[in-house]
Amino acid sequence: MIELFYWPTPNGWKISIMLEECELPYELRPVNIGRGEQFKPEFLKISPNNRMPAIIDHDPPGGGAPVSVFESGAILVYLAEKTGRFMPKDLRGRFTVLEWVMWQMGGLGPMAGQASHFMNYAPEKIPYAIDRYSKEVQRLVGVLNTRLEGRDYIAGEYSIADMASWPWTQGLERFGFDLSGVPNVKRWIEAMRARPAVVRAMEVGKELRQPTLDAEAKKVLFGHDPEKKQ
């Protein structure tokens, strides 16, 4: 059994998608990031960077003591190796998938997160930051659109590369991005949404998600008082 330390965000969705695709048994351990539960000592023991998701696998490959893993990309790789699924076994295919997982971890996710922050949560509008990050998201989505030309999925076959990137495309409209300009991405988004495991995964912890962040959550997540300019 796997314990999934989770909150319904794009990084959390990556892992719920993989677990549902693999039909692995897991138990949800909500980590309310808007109330600071990611800073609790017991959570920091398995995720020292105070970020979710994280997992504890009580039935690791080869047996032995439970294995804990933090960072969503590392968790995806771990689960792919555990199950032998959604990761090619040949050298070239494997590293193609890993390249695109790293691309998401280092590019699409962080840039989309920064764009969302400055557009939706920053205590004051900073036009330069909004322009900088929203344009970078658009550039990265353009890269993805080119990659998907003639391919159903990012690495050809469905893989953890798709699970890593797809959740971060769910807020593109908030960046004012017109999907009609990236038809390959639009087609891929719709294909992912149609997968039964993805549908199930997006329901995981749905009742936990808040439509807006209150003042306390903003203080915890962003280190500022939204009522005061810093």
C-alpha atoms as a PDB file:
ATOM      1  CA  MET A   1       0.000   0.000   0.000  1.00  0.00           C
ATOM      2  CA  ILE A   2       1.109   3.553  -0.767  1.00  0.00           C
ATOM      3  CA  GLU A   3       0.435   6.595   1.375  1.00  0.00           C
ATOM      4  CA  LEU A   4      -0.075   9.661  -0.801  1.00  0.00           C
ATOM      5  CA  PHE A   5       0.578  13.001   0.892  1.00  0.00           C
ATOM      6  CA  TYR A   6      -1.458  15.273  -1.294  1.00  0.00           C
ATOM      7  CA  TRP A   7      -3.358  18.453  -1.974  1.00  0.00           C
ATOM      8  CA  PRO A   8      -5.370  18.992  -5.187  1.00  0.00           C
ATOM      9  CA  THR A   9      -2.916  21.084  -7.195  1.00  0.00           C
ATOM     10  CA  PRO A  10      -1.155  20.376 -10.511  1.00  0.00           C
ATOM     11  CA  ASN A  11       1.769  18.704  -8.751  1.00  0.00           C
ATOM     12  CA  GLY A  12      -0.595  16.586  -6.697  1.00  0.00           C
ATOM     13  CA  TRP A  13      -2.620  15.617  -9.760  1.00  0.00           C
ATOM     14  CA  LYS A  14       0.471  14.199 -11.437  1.00  0.00           C
ATOM     15  CA  ILE A  15       0.687  11.490  -8.802  1.00  0.00           C
ATOM     16  CA  SER A  16      -3.019  10.757  -8.483  1.00  0.00           C
ATOM     17  CA  ILE A  17      -3.064  10.247 -12.278  1.00  0.00           C
ATOM     18  CA  MET A  18      -0.150   7.803 -12.148  1.00  0.00           C
ATOM     19  CA  LEU A  19      -1.623   5.849  -9.240  1.00  0.00           C
ATOM     20  CA  GLU A  20      -4.991   5.614 -10.950  1.00  0.00           C
ATOM     21  CA  GLU A  21      -3.423   4.607 -14.275  1.00  0.00           C
ATOM     22  CA  CYS A  22      -1.451   1.848 -12.554  1.00  0.00           C
ATOM     23  CA  GLU A  23      -4.407   0.863 -10.341  1.00  0.00           C
ATOM     24  CA  LEU A  24      -2.100   0.799  -7.344  1.00  0.00           C
ATOM     25  CA  PRO A  25      -3.740   0.729  -3.912  1.00  0.00           C
ATOM     26  CA  TYR A  26      -3.161   3.951  -2.021  1.00  0.00           C
ATOM     27  CA  GLU A  27      -4.466   5.917   0.920  1.00  0.00           C
ATOM     28  CA  LEU A  28      -4.843   9.675   0.797  1.00  0.00           C
ATOM     29  CA  ARG A  29      -3.085  11.783   3.417  1.00  0.00           C
ATOM     30  CA  PRO A  30      -4.258  15.374   2.863  1.00  0.00           C
ATOM     31  CA  VAL A  31      -1.633  18.054   3.447  1.00  0.00           C
ATOM     32  CA  ASN A  32      -3.451  21.373   3.751  1.00  0.00           C
ATOM     33  CA  ILE A  33      -0.853  23.698   2.282  1.00  0.00           C
ATOM     34  CA  GLY A  34      -3.037  26.731   3.012  1.00  0.00           C
ATOM     35  CA  ARG A  35      -2.878  25.978   6.738  1.00  0.00           C
ATOM     36  CA  GLY A  36       0.817  25.183   6.933  1.00  0.00           C
ATOM     37  CA  GLU A  37       0.590  21.417   7.358  1.00  0.00           C
ATOM     38  CA  GLN A  38       3.568  21.042   5.000  1.00  0.00           C
ATOM     39  CA  PHE A  39       5.742  22.486   7.778  1.00  0.00           C
ATOM     40  CA  LYS A  40       4.848  19.889  10.388  1.00  0.00           C
ATOM     41  CA  PRO A  41       7.910  17.943  11.622  1.00  0.00           C
ATOM     42  CA  GLU A  42       6.393  14.579  10.743  1.00  0.00           C
ATOM     43  CA  PHE A  43       5.867  15.696   7.134  1.00  0.00           C
ATOM     44  CA  LEU A  44       9.323  17.261   6.863  1.00  0.00           C
ATOM     45  CA  LYS A  45      10.805  13.845   7.656  1.00  0.00           C
ATOM     46  CA  ILE A  46       9.612  12.583   4.280  1.00  0.00           C
ATOM     47  CA  SER A  47       9.569  15.880   2.356  1.00  0.00           C
ATOM     48  CA  PRO A  48      12.362  18.127   3.685  1.00  0.00           C
ATOM     49  CA  ASN A  49      11.596  20.831   1.114  1.00  0.00           C
ATOM     50  CA  ASN A  50       8.148  21.286   2.733  1.00  0.00           C
ATOM     51  CA  ARG A  51       6.353  20.622  -0.530  1.00  0.00           C
ATOM     52  CA  MET A  52       3.788  18.048  -1.434  1.00  0.00           C
ATOM     53  CA  PRO A  53       3.245  15.559  -2.989  1.00  0.00           C
ATOM     54  CA  ALA A  54       5.213  12.833  -1.286  1.00  0.00           C
ATOM     55  CA  ILE A  55       4.654   9.119  -0.912  1.00  0.00           C
ATOM     56  CA  ILE A  56       5.540   6.296   1.426  1.00  0.00           C
ATOM     57  CA  ASP A  57       5.550   2.912  -0.290  1.00  0.00           C
ATOM     58  CA  HIS A  58       4.990   0.142   2.245  1.00  0.00           C
ATOM     59  CA  ASP A  59       5.532  -2.535  -0.397  1.00  0.00           C
ATOM     60  CA  PRO A  60       8.673  -1.395  -2.226  1.00  0.00           C
ATOM     61  CA  PRO A  61      10.310  -3.421  -4.993  1.00  0.00           C
ATOM     62  CA  GLY A  62      12.537  -6.065  -3.442  1.00  0.00           C
ATOM     63  CA  GLY A  63      10.800  -5.815  -0.076  1.00  0.00           C
ATOM     64  CA  GLY A  64      12.362  -4.376   3.034  1.00  0.00           C
ATOM     65  CA  ALA A  65      11.554  -1.193   4.912  1.00  0.00           C
ATOM     66  CA  PRO A  66       9.082   1.349   3.510  1.00  0.00           C
ATOM     67  CA  VAL A  67      10.454   3.810   0.971  1.00  0.00           C
ATOM     68  CA  SER A  68       9.544   7.498   1.044  1.00  0.00           C
ATOM     69  CA  VAL A  69       9.916   9.723  -2.012  1.00  0.00           C
ATOM     70  CA  PHE A  70       9.407  13.465  -2.405  1.00  0.00           C
ATOM     71  CA  GLU A  71       9.355  15.688  -5.528  1.00  0.00           C
ATOM     72  CA  SER A  72       6.666  14.855  -8.070  1.00  0.00           C
ATOM     73  CA  GLY A  73       9.085  14.010 -10.892  1.00  0.00           C
ATOM     74  CA  ALA A  74      11.012  11.590  -8.705  1.00  0.00           C
ATOM     75  CA  ILE A  75       7.759   9.994  -7.560  1.00  0.00           C
ATOM     76  CA  LEU A  76       6.651   9.455 -11.164  1.00  0.00           C
ATOM     77  CA  VAL A  77       9.965   7.796 -12.018  1.00  0.00           C
ATOM     78  CA  TYR A  78       9.800   5.650  -8.886  1.00  0.00           C
ATOM     79  CA  LEU A  79       6.291   4.442  -9.644  1.00  0.00           C
ATOM     80  CA  ALA A  80       7.181   3.791 -13.283  1.00  0.00           C
ATOM     81  CA  GLU A  81      10.117   1.639 -12.185  1.00  0.00           C
ATOM     82  CA  LYS A  82       8.030  -0.097  -9.520  1.00  0.00           C
ATOM     83  CA  THR A  83       5.293  -1.067 -11.949  1.00  0.00           C
ATOM     84  CA  GLY A  84       7.236  -1.342 -15.197  1.00  0.00           C
ATOM     85  CA  ARG A  85       4.646   0.922 -16.819  1.00  0.00           C
ATOM     86  CA  PHE A  86       4.578   4.255 -18.653  1.00  0.00           C
ATOM     87  CA  MET A  87       8.360   4.341 -19.082  1.00  0.00           C
ATOM     88  CA  PRO A  88      10.065   2.755 -22.112  1.00  0.00           C
ATOM     89  CA  LYS A  89      12.613   0.077 -21.328  1.00  0.00           C
ATOM     90  CA  ASP A  90      14.933   0.883 -24.235  1.00  0.00           C
ATOM     91  CA  LEU A  91      17.660   3.477 -23.670  1.00  0.00           C
ATOM     92  CA  ARG A  92      16.500   6.035 -26.229  1.00  0.00           C
ATOM     93  CA  GLY A  93      12.858   5.843 -25.303  1.00  0.00           C
ATOM     94  CA  ARG A  94      13.604   6.041 -21.587  1.00  0.00           C
ATOM     95  CA  PHE A  95      15.702   9.162 -21.889  1.00  0.00           C
ATOM     96  CA  THR A  96      13.207  10.825 -24.196  1.00  0.00           C
ATOM     97  CA  VAL A  97      10.613  10.457 -21.442  1.00  0.00           C
ATOM     98  CA  LEU A  98      13.054  11.655 -18.786  1.00  0.00           C
ATOM     99  CA  GLU A  99      13.990  14.690 -20.897  1.00  0.00           C
ATOM    100  CA  TRP A 100      10.382  15.789 -21.058  1.00  0.00           C
ATOM    101  CA  VAL A 101       9.727  15.120 -17.394  1.00  0.00           C
ATOM    102  CA  MET A 102      12.729  17.333 -16.587  1.00  0.00           C
ATOM    103  CA  TRP A 103      11.456  19.926 -19.078  1.00  0.00           C
ATOM    104  CA  GLN A 104       8.217  20.128 -17.160  1.00  0.00           C
ATOM    105  CA  MET A 105       9.888  20.159 -13.742  1.00  0.00           C
ATOM    106  CA  GLY A 106      12.353  22.901 -14.698  1.00  0.00           C
ATOM    107  CA  GLY A 107      10.240  24.891 -17.121  1.00  0.00           C
ATOM    108  CA  LEU A 108       6.517  24.525 -17.616  1.00  0.00           C
ATOM    109  CA  GLY A 109       5.613  24.008 -13.944  1.00  0.00           C
ATOM    110  CA  PRO A 110       7.741  26.758 -12.383  1.00  0.00           C
ATOM    111  CA  MET A 111       6.947  29.304 -15.091  1.00  0.00           C
ATOM    112  CA  ALA A 112       3.203  28.606 -14.978  1.00  0.00           C
ATOM    113  CA  GLY A 113       3.336  28.823 -11.195  1.00  0.00           C
ATOM    114  CA  GLN A 114       5.065  32.207 -11.294  1.00  0.00           C
ATOM    115  CA  ALA A 115       2.671  33.510 -13.945  1.00  0.00           C
ATOM    116  CA  SER A 116      -0.301  32.444 -11.848  1.00  0.00           C
ATOM    117  CA  HIS A 117       1.190  34.030  -8.728  1.00  0.00           C
ATOM    118  CA  PHE A 118       1.817  37.444 -10.265  1.00  0.00           C
ATOM    119  CA  MET A 119      -1.499  37.459 -12.126  1.00  0.00           C
ATOM    120  CA  ASN A 120      -3.727  36.156  -9.340  1.00  0.00           C
ATOM    121  CA  TYR A 121      -2.103  36.381  -5.900  1.00  0.00           C
ATOM    122  CA  ALA A 122       0.614  39.038  -5.720  1.00  0.00           C
ATOM    123  CA  PRO A 123      -0.297  41.913  -3.340  1.00  0.00           C
ATOM    124  CA  GLU A 124       0.214  44.375  -6.171  1.00  0.00           C
ATOM    125  CA  LYS A 125       0.228  44.079  -9.946  1.00  0.00           C
ATOM    126  CA  ILE A 126       3.727  44.153 -11.403  1.00  0.00           C
ATOM    127  CA  PRO A 127       3.345  44.456 -15.188  1.00  0.00           C
ATOM    128  CA  TYR A 128       6.926  43.408 -15.921  1.00  0.00           C
ATOM    129  CA  ALA A 129       6.571  40.159 -13.935  1.00  0.00           C
ATOM    130  CA  ILE A 130       3.175  39.359 -15.428  1.00  0.00           C
ATOM    131  CA  ASP A 131       4.481  39.956 -18.942  1.00  0.00           C
ATOM    132  CA  ARG A 132       7.717  38.062 -18.331  1.00  0.00           C
ATOM    133  CA  TYR A 133       6.184  34.884 -16.959  1.00  0.00           C
ATOM    134  CA  SER A 134       3.067  34.766 -19.120  1.00  0.00           C
ATOM    135  CA  LYS A 135       5.207  35.101 -22.256  1.00  0.00           C
ATOM    136  CA  GLU A 136       7.493  32.330 -21.033  1.00  0.00           C
ATOM    137  CA  VAL A 137       4.474  30.062 -20.493  1.00  0.00           C
ATOM    138  CA  GLN A 138       3.353  30.837 -24.024  1.00  0.00           C
ATOM    139  CA  ARG A 139       6.821  30.021 -25.353  1.00  0.00           C
ATOM    140  CA  LEU A 140       6.891  26.697 -23.510  1.00  0.00           C
ATOM    141  CA  VAL A 141       3.420  25.758 -24.724  1.00  0.00           C
ATOM    142  CA  GLY A 142       4.669  26.524 -28.218  1.00  0.00           C
ATOM    143  CA  VAL A 143       7.550  24.113 -27.654  1.00  0.00           C
ATOM    144  CA  LEU A 144       5.047  21.482 -26.550  1.00  0.00           C
ATOM    145  CA  ASN A 145       2.874  22.146 -29.587  1.00  0.00           C
ATOM    146  CA  THR A 146       5.835  21.549 -31.888  1.00  0.00           C
ATOM    147  CA  ARG A 147       6.738  18.365 -30.019  1.00  0.00           C
ATOM    148  CA  LEU A 148       3.217  16.988 -30.411  1.00  0.00           C
ATOM    149  CA  GLU A 149       3.177  17.471 -34.168  1.00  0.00           C
ATOM    150  CA  GLY A 150       2.487  14.005 -35.589  1.00  0.00           C
ATOM    151  CA  ARG A 151       2.431  12.419 -32.116  1.00  0.00           C
ATOM    152  CA  ASP A 152      -0.465  11.364 -29.921  1.00  0.00           C
ATOM    153  CA  TYR A 153       1.601  11.840 -26.777  1.00  0.00           C
ATOM    154  CA  ILE A 154       4.779  13.671 -25.829  1.00  0.00           C
ATOM    155  CA  ALA A 155       7.123  10.695 -26.154  1.00  0.00           C
ATOM    156  CA  GLY A 156       5.034   8.904 -28.771  1.00  0.00           C
ATOM    157  CA  GLU A 157       3.497   6.372 -26.416  1.00  0.00           C
ATOM    158  CA  TYR A 158       1.589   7.530 -23.353  1.00  0.00           C
ATOM    159  CA  SER A 159       4.038   7.994 -20.466  1.00  0.00           C
ATOM    160  CA  ILE A 160       4.833   9.804 -17.257  1.00  0.00           C
ATOM    161  CA  ALA A 161       5.919  12.751 -19.432  1.00  0.00           C
ATOM    162  CA  ASP A 162       2.255  13.364 -20.251  1.00  0.00           C
ATOM    163  CA  MET A 163       1.204  12.925 -16.627  1.00  0.00           C
ATOM    164  CA  ALA A 164       3.807  15.482 -15.563  1.00  0.00           C
ATOM    165  CA  SER A 165       2.862  18.184 -18.059  1.00  0.00           C
ATOM    166  CA  TRP A 166      -0.901  17.881 -18.528  1.00  0.00           C
ATOM    167  CA  PRO A 167      -1.955  19.207 -15.079  1.00  0.00           C
ATOM    168  CA  TRP A 168      -0.062  22.427 -15.761  1.00  0.00           C
ATOM    169  CA  THR A 169      -2.075  23.063 -18.932  1.00  0.00           C
ATOM    170  CA  GLN A 170      -5.367  23.218 -17.029  1.00  0.00           C
ATOM    171  CA  GLY A 171      -4.997  26.906 -16.203  1.00  0.00           C
ATOM    172  CA  LEU A 172      -3.789  28.203 -19.554  1.00  0.00           C
ATOM    173  CA  GLU A 173      -6.876  30.317 -20.057  1.00  0.00           C
ATOM    174  CA  ARG A 174      -5.931  32.278 -16.932  1.00  0.00           C
ATOM    175  CA  PHE A 175      -2.821  33.414 -18.786  1.00  0.00           C
ATOM    176  CA  GLY A 176      -4.984  34.679 -21.646  1.00  0.00           C
ATOM    177  CA  PHE A 177      -3.670  31.882 -23.819  1.00  0.00           C
ATOM    178  CA  ASP A 178      -5.721  31.043 -26.921  1.00  0.00           C
ATOM    179  CA  LEU A 179      -5.570  27.295 -27.473  1.00  0.00           C
ATOM    180  CA  SER A 180      -6.669  27.722 -31.075  1.00  0.00           C
ATOM    181  CA  GLY A 181      -3.112  28.829 -31.761  1.00  0.00           C
ATOM    182  CA  VAL A 182      -1.685  25.516 -30.511  1.00  0.00           C
ATOM    183  CA  PRO A 183      -3.909  22.846 -32.104  1.00  0.00           C
ATOM    184  CA  ASN A 184      -1.627  19.950 -31.202  1.00  0.00           C
ATOM    185  CA  VAL A 185      -1.677  20.920 -27.531  1.00  0.00           C
ATOM    186  CA  LYS A 186      -5.446  21.371 -27.629  1.00  0.00           C
ATOM    187  CA  ARG A 187      -5.905  17.917 -29.173  1.00  0.00           C
ATOM    188  CA  TRP A 188      -3.594  16.368 -26.569  1.00  0.00           C
ATOM    189  CA  ILE A 189      -5.336  18.106 -23.657  1.00  0.00           C
ATOM    190  CA  GLU A 190      -8.683  16.740 -24.816  1.00  0.00           C
ATOM    191  CA  ALA A 191      -7.265  13.231 -25.293  1.00  0.00           C
ATOM    192  CA  MET A 192      -5.860  13.280 -21.771  1.00  0.00           C
ATOM    193  CA  ARG A 193      -9.156  14.508 -20.321  1.00  0.00           C
ATOM    194  CA  ALA A 194     -10.920  11.554 -21.938  1.00  0.00           C
ATOM    195  CA  ARG A 195      -8.778   8.941 -20.185  1.00  0.00           C
ATOM    196  CA  PRO A 196     -10.837   7.224 -17.434  1.00  0.00           C
ATOM    197  CA  ALA A 197      -7.898   7.179 -15.011  1.00  0.00           C
ATOM    198  CA  VAL A 198      -7.376  10.917 -15.478  1.00  0.00           C
ATOM    199  CA  VAL A 199     -11.063  11.540 -14.811  1.00  0.00           C
ATOM    200  CA  ARG A 200     -10.832   9.510 -11.597  1.00  0.00           C
ATOM    201  CA  ALA A 201      -7.584  11.198 -10.579  1.00  0.00           C
ATOM    202  CA  MET A 202      -9.056  14.681 -10.887  1.00  0.00           C
ATOM    203  CA  GLU A 203     -11.781  13.703  -8.450  1.00  0.00           C
ATOM    204  CA  VAL A 204      -9.269  12.722  -5.771  1.00  0.00           C
ATOM    205  CA  GLY A 205      -9.562  15.196  -2.929  1.00  0.00           C
ATOM    206  CA  LYS A 206     -11.739  17.492  -5.030  1.00  0.00           C
ATOM    207  CA  GLU A 207     -13.740  18.439  -1.956  1.00  0.00           C
ATOM    208  CA  LEU A 208     -10.541  19.833  -0.401  1.00  0.00           C
ATOM    209  CA  ARG A 209      -9.948  22.418  -3.082  1.00  0.00           C
ATOM    210  CA  GLN A 210     -10.957  25.986  -2.301  1.00  0.00           C
ATOM    211  CA  PRO A 211     -12.079  28.261  -5.175  1.00  0.00           C
ATOM    212  CA  THR A 212     -10.214  31.211  -3.646  1.00  0.00           C
ATOM    213  CA  LEU A 213      -7.449  31.591  -1.084  1.00  0.00           C
ATOM    214  CA  ASP A 214      -8.299  33.379   2.123  1.00  0.00           C
ATOM    215  CA  ALA A 215      -5.942  35.768   3.905  1.00  0.00           C
ATOM    216  CA  GLU A 216      -4.486  33.066   6.146  1.00  0.00           C
ATOM    217  CA  ALA A 217      -3.692  30.791   3.201  1.00  0.00           C
ATOM    218  CA  LYS A 218      -1.960  33.635   1.366  1.00  0.00           C
ATOM    219  CA  LYS A 219       0.203  34.355   4.387  1.00  0.00           C
ATOM    220  CA  VAL A 220       1.219  30.699   4.627  1.00  0.00           C
ATOM    221  CA  LEU A 221       1.802  30.128   0.917  1.00  0.00           C
ATOM    222  CA  PHE A 222       3.319  33.440  -0.115  1.00  0.00           C
ATOM    223  CA  GLY A 223       4.701  34.909   3.093  1.00  0.00           C
ATOM    224  CA  HIS A 224       2.790  38.142   2.832  1.00  0.00           C
ATOM    225  CA  ASP A 225      -0.289  39.749   4.270  1.00  0.00           C
ATOM    226  CA  PRO A 226      -2.652  40.410   1.340  1.00  0.00           C
ATOM    227  CA  GLU A 227      -4.061  43.388   3.247  1.00  0.00           C
ATOM    228  CA  LYS A 228      -0.662  45.090   3.316  1.00  0.00           C
ATOM    229  CA  LYS A 229       1.723  46.046   0.567  1.00  0.00           C
ATOM    230  CA  GLN A 230       5.307  44.945   1.071  1.00  0.00           C
END
